[in-house]
N, C-alpha and C. Protein backbone atom coordinates (compact mmCIF):
# COMPACT_ATOMS: atom_id res chain seq x y z
N MET A 1 -0.07 -29.60 6.40
CA MET A 1 0.91 -29.93 6.97
C MET A 1 0.68 -30.44 8.36
N THR A 2 -0.09 -29.64 8.87
CA THR A 2 -0.57 -30.15 10.03
C THR A 2 -2.22 -29.98 10.59
N TYR A 3 -3.04 -30.77 9.27
CA TYR A 3 -3.73 -31.33 9.35
C TYR A 3 -3.74 -32.09 10.28
N GLY A 4 -4.95 -32.45 11.45
CA GLY A 4 -4.91 -33.53 12.33
C GLY A 4 -3.96 -33.30 13.47
N CYS A 5 -3.11 -32.34 13.66
CA CYS A 5 -2.02 -31.92 14.54
C CYS A 5 -2.79 -31.99 15.93
N GLU A 6 -3.95 -31.62 16.18
CA GLU A 6 -4.97 -31.35 17.47
C GLU A 6 -4.35 -33.05 18.33
N SER A 7 -4.05 -34.36 17.51
CA SER A 7 -3.95 -35.24 18.13
C SER A 7 -2.67 -36.11 18.10
N TRP A 8 -2.03 -35.46 17.48
CA TRP A 8 -0.51 -35.62 18.05
C TRP A 8 0.07 -35.77 19.18
N GLU A 9 0.43 -36.29 19.59
CA GLU A 9 1.95 -36.43 20.66
C GLU A 9 2.75 -36.53 19.86
N LEU A 10 3.47 -35.17 20.09
CA LEU A 10 4.83 -34.38 19.72
C LEU A 10 5.74 -34.63 21.16
N LYS A 11 6.69 -35.74 20.76
CA LYS A 11 8.08 -35.63 21.58
C LYS A 11 9.37 -35.06 21.11
N VAL A 12 9.65 -34.88 22.07
CA VAL A 12 11.08 -34.13 21.35
C VAL A 12 11.76 -34.21 19.64
N SER A 13 11.79 -35.46 19.89
CA SER A 13 12.25 -35.69 18.80
C SER A 13 11.44 -35.62 17.01
N SER A 14 10.03 -35.67 17.73
CA SER A 14 9.22 -35.06 16.35
C SER A 14 9.05 -33.90 16.41
N LYS A 15 9.29 -32.98 17.44
CA LYS A 15 9.10 -31.64 17.30
C LYS A 15 10.43 -31.53 16.41
N SER A 16 11.59 -31.82 16.37
CA SER A 16 12.66 -31.26 15.85
C SER A 16 12.21 -32.20 14.35
N LYS A 17 12.15 -32.76 14.08
CA LYS A 17 11.73 -33.58 12.51
C LYS A 17 10.57 -32.44 11.72
N VAL A 18 9.94 -32.28 12.78
CA VAL A 18 8.45 -30.94 12.30
C VAL A 18 9.06 -29.63 12.29
N LEU A 19 9.95 -28.93 12.85
CA LEU A 19 10.69 -28.21 12.89
C LEU A 19 12.20 -27.77 11.66
N VAL A 20 12.36 -29.23 11.18
CA VAL A 20 13.53 -29.46 10.07
C VAL A 20 12.85 -29.26 8.51
N MET A 21 11.55 -29.75 8.83
CA MET A 21 10.46 -29.52 7.46
C MET A 21 10.22 -28.30 7.38
N GLU A 22 9.76 -28.05 8.55
CA GLU A 22 8.72 -26.41 8.09
C GLU A 22 10.42 -25.55 7.37
N MET A 23 11.47 -25.49 8.21
CA MET A 23 12.39 -24.38 8.16
C MET A 23 12.62 -24.80 6.11
N LYS A 24 12.71 -26.13 5.75
CA LYS A 24 12.72 -26.55 4.21
C LYS A 24 12.18 -25.80 3.81
N TYR A 25 10.64 -26.07 4.01
CA TYR A 25 9.74 -25.32 3.26
C TYR A 25 9.94 -23.81 3.30
N LEU A 26 10.16 -23.27 4.13
CA LEU A 26 10.09 -21.17 4.24
C LEU A 26 11.65 -21.09 3.45
N ARG A 27 12.95 -21.91 3.63
CA ARG A 27 13.88 -21.60 2.84
C ARG A 27 13.40 -22.30 1.26
N ALA A 28 12.73 -22.71 0.84
CA ALA A 28 12.43 -22.99 -0.28
C ALA A 28 11.53 -21.59 -0.94
N VAL A 29 10.80 -21.20 0.38
CA VAL A 29 10.05 -20.34 -0.53
C VAL A 29 10.63 -18.54 -0.98
N ILE A 30 11.55 -18.85 -0.36
CA ILE A 30 12.38 -17.54 -0.87
C ILE A 30 13.30 -17.78 -1.14
N GLY A 31 13.43 -18.97 -2.05
CA GLY A 31 14.84 -19.13 -2.86
C GLY A 31 15.88 -19.40 -2.08
N ILE A 32 16.29 -19.84 -0.79
CA ILE A 32 17.58 -20.00 -0.06
C ILE A 32 18.24 -21.46 0.26
N THR A 33 18.85 -21.52 0.50
CA THR A 33 19.62 -22.80 0.74
C THR A 33 20.04 -22.61 2.11
N ARG A 34 20.52 -23.75 2.66
CA ARG A 34 21.04 -23.64 4.04
C ARG A 34 22.94 -23.61 3.89
N ARG A 35 23.28 -23.58 2.50
CA ARG A 35 24.64 -23.71 2.25
C ARG A 35 24.79 -21.82 2.82
N ASP A 36 23.90 -21.00 2.16
CA ASP A 36 23.62 -19.93 2.16
C ASP A 36 24.09 -19.06 3.49
N LYS A 37 23.63 -19.84 4.56
CA LYS A 37 24.10 -19.59 6.19
C LYS A 37 23.57 -18.51 6.48
N ILE A 38 22.29 -18.44 6.53
CA ILE A 38 20.82 -17.46 6.88
C ILE A 38 20.19 -17.80 8.02
N ALA A 39 20.15 -17.35 9.19
CA ALA A 39 19.76 -17.88 10.51
C ALA A 39 18.16 -18.27 10.52
N ASN A 40 17.89 -19.63 11.10
CA ASN A 40 16.31 -19.40 10.73
C ASN A 40 16.02 -18.00 11.28
N LYS A 41 15.74 -17.47 12.14
CA LYS A 41 15.32 -16.45 12.93
C LYS A 41 15.03 -15.45 11.60
N MET A 42 16.35 -15.05 10.83
CA MET A 42 16.41 -14.26 10.03
C MET A 42 15.32 -14.83 8.65
N VAL A 43 15.29 -16.31 8.27
CA VAL A 43 13.96 -16.55 7.48
C VAL A 43 12.12 -16.21 7.83
N ARG A 44 12.66 -16.77 8.84
CA ARG A 44 11.09 -16.57 9.54
C ARG A 44 10.96 -14.67 9.83
N ASP A 45 11.76 -14.15 10.33
CA ASP A 45 11.32 -12.31 9.97
C ASP A 45 11.24 -12.13 8.80
N THR A 46 11.47 -12.41 7.76
CA THR A 46 11.74 -12.15 6.17
C THR A 46 10.22 -12.35 6.06
N LEU A 47 9.65 -13.94 6.64
CA LEU A 47 8.31 -14.43 5.84
C LEU A 47 7.31 -13.51 7.20
N ASN A 48 8.08 -13.54 8.01
CA ASN A 48 6.76 -13.04 9.16
C ASN A 48 5.75 -14.00 9.22
N VAL A 49 6.72 -15.30 9.76
CA VAL A 49 5.42 -16.37 10.41
C VAL A 49 6.20 -16.70 11.72
N GLU A 50 5.38 -17.10 12.79
CA GLU A 50 5.55 -18.01 13.71
C GLU A 50 6.03 -19.45 13.59
N PRO A 51 6.86 -20.06 14.37
CA PRO A 51 7.12 -21.03 14.54
C PRO A 51 5.69 -22.33 14.51
N ILE A 52 6.09 -23.23 13.62
CA ILE A 52 4.62 -24.15 13.44
C ILE A 52 4.31 -24.77 14.60
N ILE A 53 5.54 -24.92 15.41
CA ILE A 53 4.97 -25.85 16.97
C ILE A 53 4.28 -24.76 18.15
N LYS A 54 4.24 -23.60 17.72
CA LYS A 54 3.40 -22.99 18.20
C LYS A 54 1.83 -22.92 17.87
N HIS A 55 1.72 -23.12 16.71
CA HIS A 55 0.61 -23.28 16.06
C HIS A 55 -0.16 -24.72 16.24
N ILE A 56 0.64 -25.60 16.68
CA ILE A 56 0.10 -26.62 16.91
C ILE A 56 -0.21 -27.07 18.70
N GLU A 57 0.60 -26.58 19.17
CA GLU A 57 0.15 -26.28 20.25
C GLU A 57 -0.82 -25.54 20.85
N SER A 58 -1.37 -24.52 20.00
CA SER A 58 -2.46 -24.16 20.12
C SER A 58 -3.52 -24.41 19.75
N GLN A 59 -3.17 -25.45 18.91
CA GLN A 59 -4.50 -26.32 17.58
C GLN A 59 -4.91 -27.77 19.01
N GLN A 60 -3.69 -27.85 19.92
CA GLN A 60 -3.83 -28.66 20.68
C GLN A 60 -4.33 -28.33 22.21
N VAL A 61 -4.45 -27.25 22.58
CA VAL A 61 -4.71 -27.13 24.03
C VAL A 61 -6.48 -26.46 23.48
N LYS A 62 -6.74 -26.04 22.14
CA LYS A 62 -7.90 -25.69 21.28
C LYS A 62 -8.87 -26.85 21.47
N TRP A 63 -8.54 -28.23 20.82
CA TRP A 63 -8.92 -29.48 20.98
C TRP A 63 -9.47 -29.97 22.12
N PHE A 64 -7.96 -29.96 23.34
CA PHE A 64 -8.71 -30.36 24.89
C PHE A 64 -9.32 -29.42 25.11
N GLY A 65 -9.94 -28.33 25.00
CA GLY A 65 -11.12 -27.32 25.58
C GLY A 65 -12.55 -28.01 24.96
N HIS A 66 -12.60 -28.33 23.54
CA HIS A 66 -13.73 -29.12 23.13
C HIS A 66 -14.09 -30.46 23.69
N LEU A 67 -12.69 -31.02 24.53
CA LEU A 67 -13.03 -32.34 24.54
C LEU A 67 -13.77 -32.01 25.88
N THR A 68 -12.79 -31.46 27.01
CA THR A 68 -13.55 -31.62 28.04
C THR A 68 -15.08 -31.20 28.35
N ARG A 69 -15.32 -29.88 27.46
CA ARG A 69 -17.16 -29.64 27.08
C ARG A 69 -17.64 -30.63 26.51
N MET A 70 -17.20 -31.38 25.78
CA MET A 70 -18.59 -32.60 25.39
C MET A 70 -18.90 -33.59 26.28
N GLY A 71 -20.36 -33.86 25.74
CA GLY A 71 -21.38 -34.75 26.52
C GLY A 71 -20.70 -36.16 26.81
N ASN A 72 -20.31 -36.31 27.55
CA ASN A 72 -19.97 -38.18 28.04
C ASN A 72 -20.55 -38.90 27.13
N GLU A 73 -21.99 -38.79 26.38
CA GLU A 73 -22.29 -39.40 25.57
C GLU A 73 -21.63 -39.76 24.13
N ARG A 74 -21.16 -38.73 24.27
CA ARG A 74 -20.23 -38.60 22.67
C ARG A 74 -19.28 -39.61 22.38
N GLN A 75 -18.56 -40.31 21.27
CA GLN A 75 -17.80 -41.70 21.16
C GLN A 75 -16.21 -40.89 21.60
N VAL A 76 -16.16 -39.79 20.98
CA VAL A 76 -14.97 -39.32 20.78
C VAL A 76 -14.49 -38.98 22.52
N LYS A 77 -15.23 -38.21 23.11
CA LYS A 77 -14.66 -38.23 24.71
C LYS A 77 -14.72 -39.46 25.24
N ARG A 78 -15.83 -40.46 25.09
CA ARG A 78 -15.44 -42.01 25.30
C ARG A 78 -14.20 -42.54 25.12
N VAL A 79 -13.46 -42.35 24.24
CA VAL A 79 -12.66 -42.77 23.37
C VAL A 79 -11.26 -41.78 24.37
N TRP A 80 -11.43 -40.94 25.10
CA TRP A 80 -10.31 -40.08 25.36
C TRP A 80 -9.86 -40.34 26.83
N GLN A 81 -11.26 -40.79 27.23
CA GLN A 81 -11.33 -41.14 28.60
C GLN A 81 -11.18 -42.49 29.07
N ALA A 82 -10.86 -43.29 28.14
CA ALA A 82 -10.72 -44.82 28.16
C ALA A 82 -9.44 -44.84 28.95
N ARG A 83 -9.51 -45.86 29.82
CA ARG A 83 -8.38 -46.11 30.39
C ARG A 83 -8.31 -48.13 30.04
N PRO A 84 -7.59 -48.02 29.41
CA PRO A 84 -7.13 -50.01 28.91
C PRO A 84 -6.65 -50.68 29.83
N GLN A 85 -7.26 -51.45 30.26
CA GLN A 85 -6.32 -52.78 31.13
C GLN A 85 -5.33 -53.36 30.53
N LYS A 86 -4.02 -53.34 31.08
CA LYS A 86 -2.73 -53.55 30.49
C LYS A 86 -2.08 -54.26 32.08
N ILE A 87 -1.10 -54.98 31.56
CA ILE A 87 0.26 -55.27 32.73
C ILE A 87 1.13 -53.93 32.64
N LYS A 88 1.81 -53.90 33.82
CA LYS A 88 2.15 -52.60 33.93
C LYS A 88 3.56 -53.27 33.55
N THR A 89 4.38 -52.22 32.38
CA THR A 89 5.44 -52.70 31.64
C THR A 89 6.81 -52.36 32.63
N ARG A 90 7.98 -52.95 32.06
CA ARG A 90 9.02 -52.35 32.85
C ARG A 90 9.36 -51.12 32.72
N GLY A 91 10.10 -49.79 33.54
CA GLY A 91 10.59 -48.35 33.25
C GLY A 91 9.54 -47.39 33.23
N ARG A 92 9.92 -46.03 32.73
CA ARG A 92 9.55 -44.99 32.69
C ARG A 92 7.91 -44.84 32.27
N PRO A 93 6.66 -44.45 33.05
CA PRO A 93 5.83 -44.79 32.24
C PRO A 93 5.50 -43.76 30.65
N ARG A 94 5.01 -44.28 29.85
CA ARG A 94 4.87 -43.62 28.65
C ARG A 94 4.29 -42.22 28.97
N LYS A 95 4.88 -41.12 27.97
CA LYS A 95 4.38 -39.78 27.92
C LYS A 95 3.05 -39.97 27.06
N THR A 96 1.66 -39.60 27.52
CA THR A 96 0.27 -39.17 26.80
C THR A 96 0.36 -38.51 26.52
N TRP A 97 -0.79 -37.91 25.59
CA TRP A 97 -1.17 -37.06 24.95
C TRP A 97 -1.65 -36.01 25.68
N ASN A 98 -2.39 -36.10 26.80
CA ASN A 98 -2.58 -35.40 27.68
C ASN A 98 -1.70 -34.89 28.72
N ASP A 99 -0.64 -35.60 28.61
CA ASP A 99 0.68 -35.00 29.61
C ASP A 99 1.19 -33.70 28.99
N ALA A 100 1.00 -34.27 27.45
CA ALA A 100 1.94 -33.23 26.68
C ALA A 100 0.84 -31.87 26.14
N VAL A 101 -0.56 -32.02 26.70
CA VAL A 101 -1.55 -30.77 26.78
C VAL A 101 -1.18 -30.13 27.63
N GLN A 102 -1.26 -30.60 29.03
CA GLN A 102 -1.29 -30.11 30.23
C GLN A 102 -0.12 -29.20 30.63
């Protein structure tokens, strides 16, 4: 489920969807439904698992470290450092992957 999560840009709505899917899977593992009215924390404690968002964020920080240490000749680093030329749009600037990691 988290393959390639290092490059995901997680917004609040995306985080919510990931957490919903995670809880759906965890509840299926122990054979309960939402109608059983068992708190998410109890489900996590029963299975002894951390929230998947913590895992995703740690992977993103790890990947950020790799990017900063890469040589400038690497294609991945050049793409990461690229700043496309465009006309400024109306409204608040869009949140980028760098903003989410830092």
